[in-house]
Amino acid sequence: MMIKIISKFVIMTTLIVNVDNEKDLPILKEILTRFGLNYEVNKGPLLNKEEDKLLKKLKKSFTEINDWEAGKVTLQNAKKAITDIEAELNNEL
């Protein structure tokens, strides 16, 4: 989501803001209105299915990393994990 601010002066300044949280938009619009600034709200293009899938995987990965850093989960030994993965791959062949 992008907000484009157009000032009232002859020299124009443009500010582009990406709003990740939809709930913040009304607050930002109110602030801009109170400052007497003209603005436009443009919603960015939606992600295609593959991009959306990748984004969800990345968010899940970050959540898992945060859980690990917070001590909520323990990690498997890397050598054992690789051995297990190789065994699964060999069984599928």
C-alpha atoms as a PDB file:
ATOM      1  CA  MET A   1       0.000   0.000   0.000  1.00  0.00           C
ATOM      2  CA  MET A   2       1.427   3.411  -0.844  1.00  0.00           C
ATOM      3  CA  ILE A   3       0.482   6.921   0.242  1.00  0.00           C
ATOM      4  CA  LYS A   4       1.626   9.709  -2.021  1.00  0.00           C
ATOM      5  CA  ILE A   5       1.732  13.137  -0.378  1.00  0.00           C
ATOM      6  CA  ILE A   6       1.467  16.223  -2.514  1.00  0.00           C
ATOM      7  CA  SER A   7       2.325  19.479  -0.725  1.00  0.00           C
ATOM      8  CA  LYS A   8       0.476  22.774  -1.343  1.00  0.00           C
ATOM      9  CA  PHE A   9       3.626  24.689  -2.310  1.00  0.00           C
ATOM     10  CA  VAL A  10       5.003  25.440  -5.757  1.00  0.00           C
ATOM     11  CA  ILE A  11       7.943  23.157  -4.987  1.00  0.00           C
ATOM     12  CA  MET A  12       6.397  19.764  -4.443  1.00  0.00           C
ATOM     13  CA  THR A  13       7.719  17.052  -2.196  1.00  0.00           C
ATOM     14  CA  THR A  14       6.599  13.484  -2.617  1.00  0.00           C
ATOM     15  CA  LEU A  15       6.666  10.966   0.183  1.00  0.00           C
ATOM     16  CA  ILE A  16       5.942   7.318  -0.561  1.00  0.00           C
ATOM     17  CA  VAL A  17       5.098   5.120   2.401  1.00  0.00           C
ATOM     18  CA  ASN A  18       4.581   1.360   2.325  1.00  0.00           C
ATOM     19  CA  VAL A  19       1.985   0.406   4.927  1.00  0.00           C
ATOM     20  CA  ASP A  20       2.234  -3.236   5.951  1.00  0.00           C
ATOM     21  CA  ASN A  21      -0.475  -3.127   8.598  1.00  0.00           C
ATOM     22  CA  GLU A  22      -3.880  -2.249   7.112  1.00  0.00           C
ATOM     23  CA  LYS A  23      -5.046  -1.051  10.558  1.00  0.00           C
ATOM     24  CA  ASP A  24      -2.463   1.777  10.476  1.00  0.00           C
ATOM     25  CA  LEU A  25      -3.872   3.358   7.321  1.00  0.00           C
ATOM     26  CA  PRO A  26      -6.776   5.284   8.926  1.00  0.00           C
ATOM     27  CA  ILE A  27      -4.424   6.731  11.535  1.00  0.00           C
ATOM     28  CA  LEU A  28      -1.929   7.841   8.905  1.00  0.00           C
ATOM     29  CA  LYS A  29      -4.693   9.380   6.811  1.00  0.00           C
ATOM     30  CA  GLU A  30      -5.956  11.322   9.854  1.00  0.00           C
ATOM     31  CA  ILE A  31      -2.461  12.658  10.577  1.00  0.00           C
ATOM     32  CA  LEU A  32      -2.008  13.801   6.981  1.00  0.00           C
ATOM     33  CA  THR A  33      -5.434  15.447   6.980  1.00  0.00           C
ATOM     34  CA  ARG A  34      -4.715  17.301  10.236  1.00  0.00           C
ATOM     35  CA  PHE A  35      -1.480  18.639   8.740  1.00  0.00           C
ATOM     36  CA  GLY A  36      -3.497  19.854   5.762  1.00  0.00           C
ATOM     37  CA  LEU A  37      -1.640  17.652   3.304  1.00  0.00           C
ATOM     38  CA  ASN A  38      -3.194  16.261   0.143  1.00  0.00           C
ATOM     39  CA  TYR A  39      -2.568  12.572  -0.392  1.00  0.00           C
ATOM     40  CA  GLU A  40      -3.464   9.639  -2.569  1.00  0.00           C
ATOM     41  CA  VAL A  41      -3.794   6.042  -1.427  1.00  0.00           C
ATOM     42  CA  ASN A  42      -2.780   3.412  -3.954  1.00  0.00           C
ATOM     43  CA  LYS A  43      -2.887  -0.274  -3.196  1.00  0.00           C
ATOM     44  CA  GLY A  44       0.090  -2.080  -4.662  1.00  0.00           C
ATOM     45  CA  PRO A  45      -0.257  -5.071  -6.942  1.00  0.00           C
ATOM     46  CA  LEU A  46      -1.262  -8.343  -5.337  1.00  0.00           C
ATOM     47  CA  LEU A  47       1.246 -11.163  -5.267  1.00  0.00           C
ATOM     48  CA  ASN A  48       0.788 -14.030  -7.666  1.00  0.00           C
ATOM     49  CA  LYS A  49       0.322 -17.524  -6.203  1.00  0.00           C
ATOM     50  CA  GLU A  50       4.019 -18.437  -6.300  1.00  0.00           C
ATOM     51  CA  GLU A  51       5.106 -15.149  -4.707  1.00  0.00           C
ATOM     52  CA  ASP A  52       2.438 -15.510  -2.026  1.00  0.00           C
ATOM     53  CA  LYS A  53       3.564 -19.083  -1.332  1.00  0.00           C
ATOM     54  CA  LEU A  54       7.191 -17.952  -1.016  1.00  0.00           C
ATOM     55  CA  LEU A  55       6.230 -15.063   1.270  1.00  0.00           C
ATOM     56  CA  LYS A  56       4.330 -17.426   3.568  1.00  0.00           C
ATOM     57  CA  LYS A  57       7.337 -19.770   3.723  1.00  0.00           C
ATOM     58  CA  LEU A  58       9.651 -16.872   4.566  1.00  0.00           C
ATOM     59  CA  LYS A  59       7.327 -15.639   7.318  1.00  0.00           C
ATOM     60  CA  LYS A  60       7.156 -19.184   8.733  1.00  0.00           C
ATOM     61  CA  SER A  61      10.954 -19.383   8.682  1.00  0.00           C
ATOM     62  CA  PHE A  62      11.277 -16.092  10.557  1.00  0.00           C
ATOM     63  CA  THR A  63       8.740 -17.281  13.118  1.00  0.00           C
ATOM     64  CA  GLU A  64      10.705 -20.505  13.597  1.00  0.00           C
ATOM     65  CA  ILE A  65      13.969 -18.572  13.998  1.00  0.00           C
ATOM     66  CA  ASN A  66      12.343 -16.278  16.575  1.00  0.00           C
ATOM     67  CA  ASP A  67      10.983 -19.316  18.434  1.00  0.00           C
ATOM     68  CA  TRP A  68      14.459 -20.871  18.470  1.00  0.00           C
ATOM     69  CA  GLU A  69      16.054 -17.625  19.709  1.00  0.00           C
ATOM     70  CA  ALA A  70      13.421 -17.430  22.459  1.00  0.00           C
ATOM     71  CA  GLY A  71      14.241 -20.990  23.525  1.00  0.00           C
ATOM     72  CA  LYS A  72      10.816 -22.320  22.539  1.00  0.00           C
ATOM     73  CA  VAL A  73      12.275 -25.022  20.267  1.00  0.00           C
ATOM     74  CA  THR A  74      15.511 -26.979  20.035  1.00  0.00           C
ATOM     75  CA  LEU A  75      17.248 -27.800  16.815  1.00  0.00           C
ATOM     76  CA  GLN A  76      18.152 -31.236  15.583  1.00  0.00           C
ATOM     77  CA  ASN A  77      21.829 -32.083  15.123  1.00  0.00           C
ATOM     78  CA  ALA A  78      22.760 -31.013  11.567  1.00  0.00           C
ATOM     79  CA  LYS A  79      24.675 -34.206  10.712  1.00  0.00           C
ATOM     80  CA  LYS A  80      21.726 -36.362  11.816  1.00  0.00           C
ATOM     81  CA  ALA A  81      19.292 -34.181   9.865  1.00  0.00           C
ATOM     82  CA  ILE A  82      21.367 -34.539   6.684  1.00  0.00           C
ATOM     83  CA  THR A  83      21.634 -38.304   7.195  1.00  0.00           C
ATOM     84  CA  ASP A  84      17.847 -38.542   7.660  1.00  0.00           C
ATOM     85  CA  ILE A  85      17.162 -36.465   4.544  1.00  0.00           C
ATOM     86  CA  GLU A  86      19.598 -38.529   2.451  1.00  0.00           C
ATOM     87  CA  ALA A  87      17.963 -41.742   3.721  1.00  0.00           C
ATOM     88  CA  GLU A  88      14.511 -40.448   2.732  1.00  0.00           C
ATOM     89  CA  LEU A  89      15.783 -39.449  -0.702  1.00  0.00           C
ATOM     90  CA  ASN A  90      17.397 -42.877  -1.228  1.00  0.00           C
ATOM     91  CA  ASN A  91      14.145 -44.615  -0.233  1.00  0.00           C
ATOM     92  CA  GLU A  92      12.180 -42.594  -2.790  1.00  0.00           C
ATOM     93  CA  LEU A  93      14.480 -43.694  -5.624  1.00  0.00           C
END
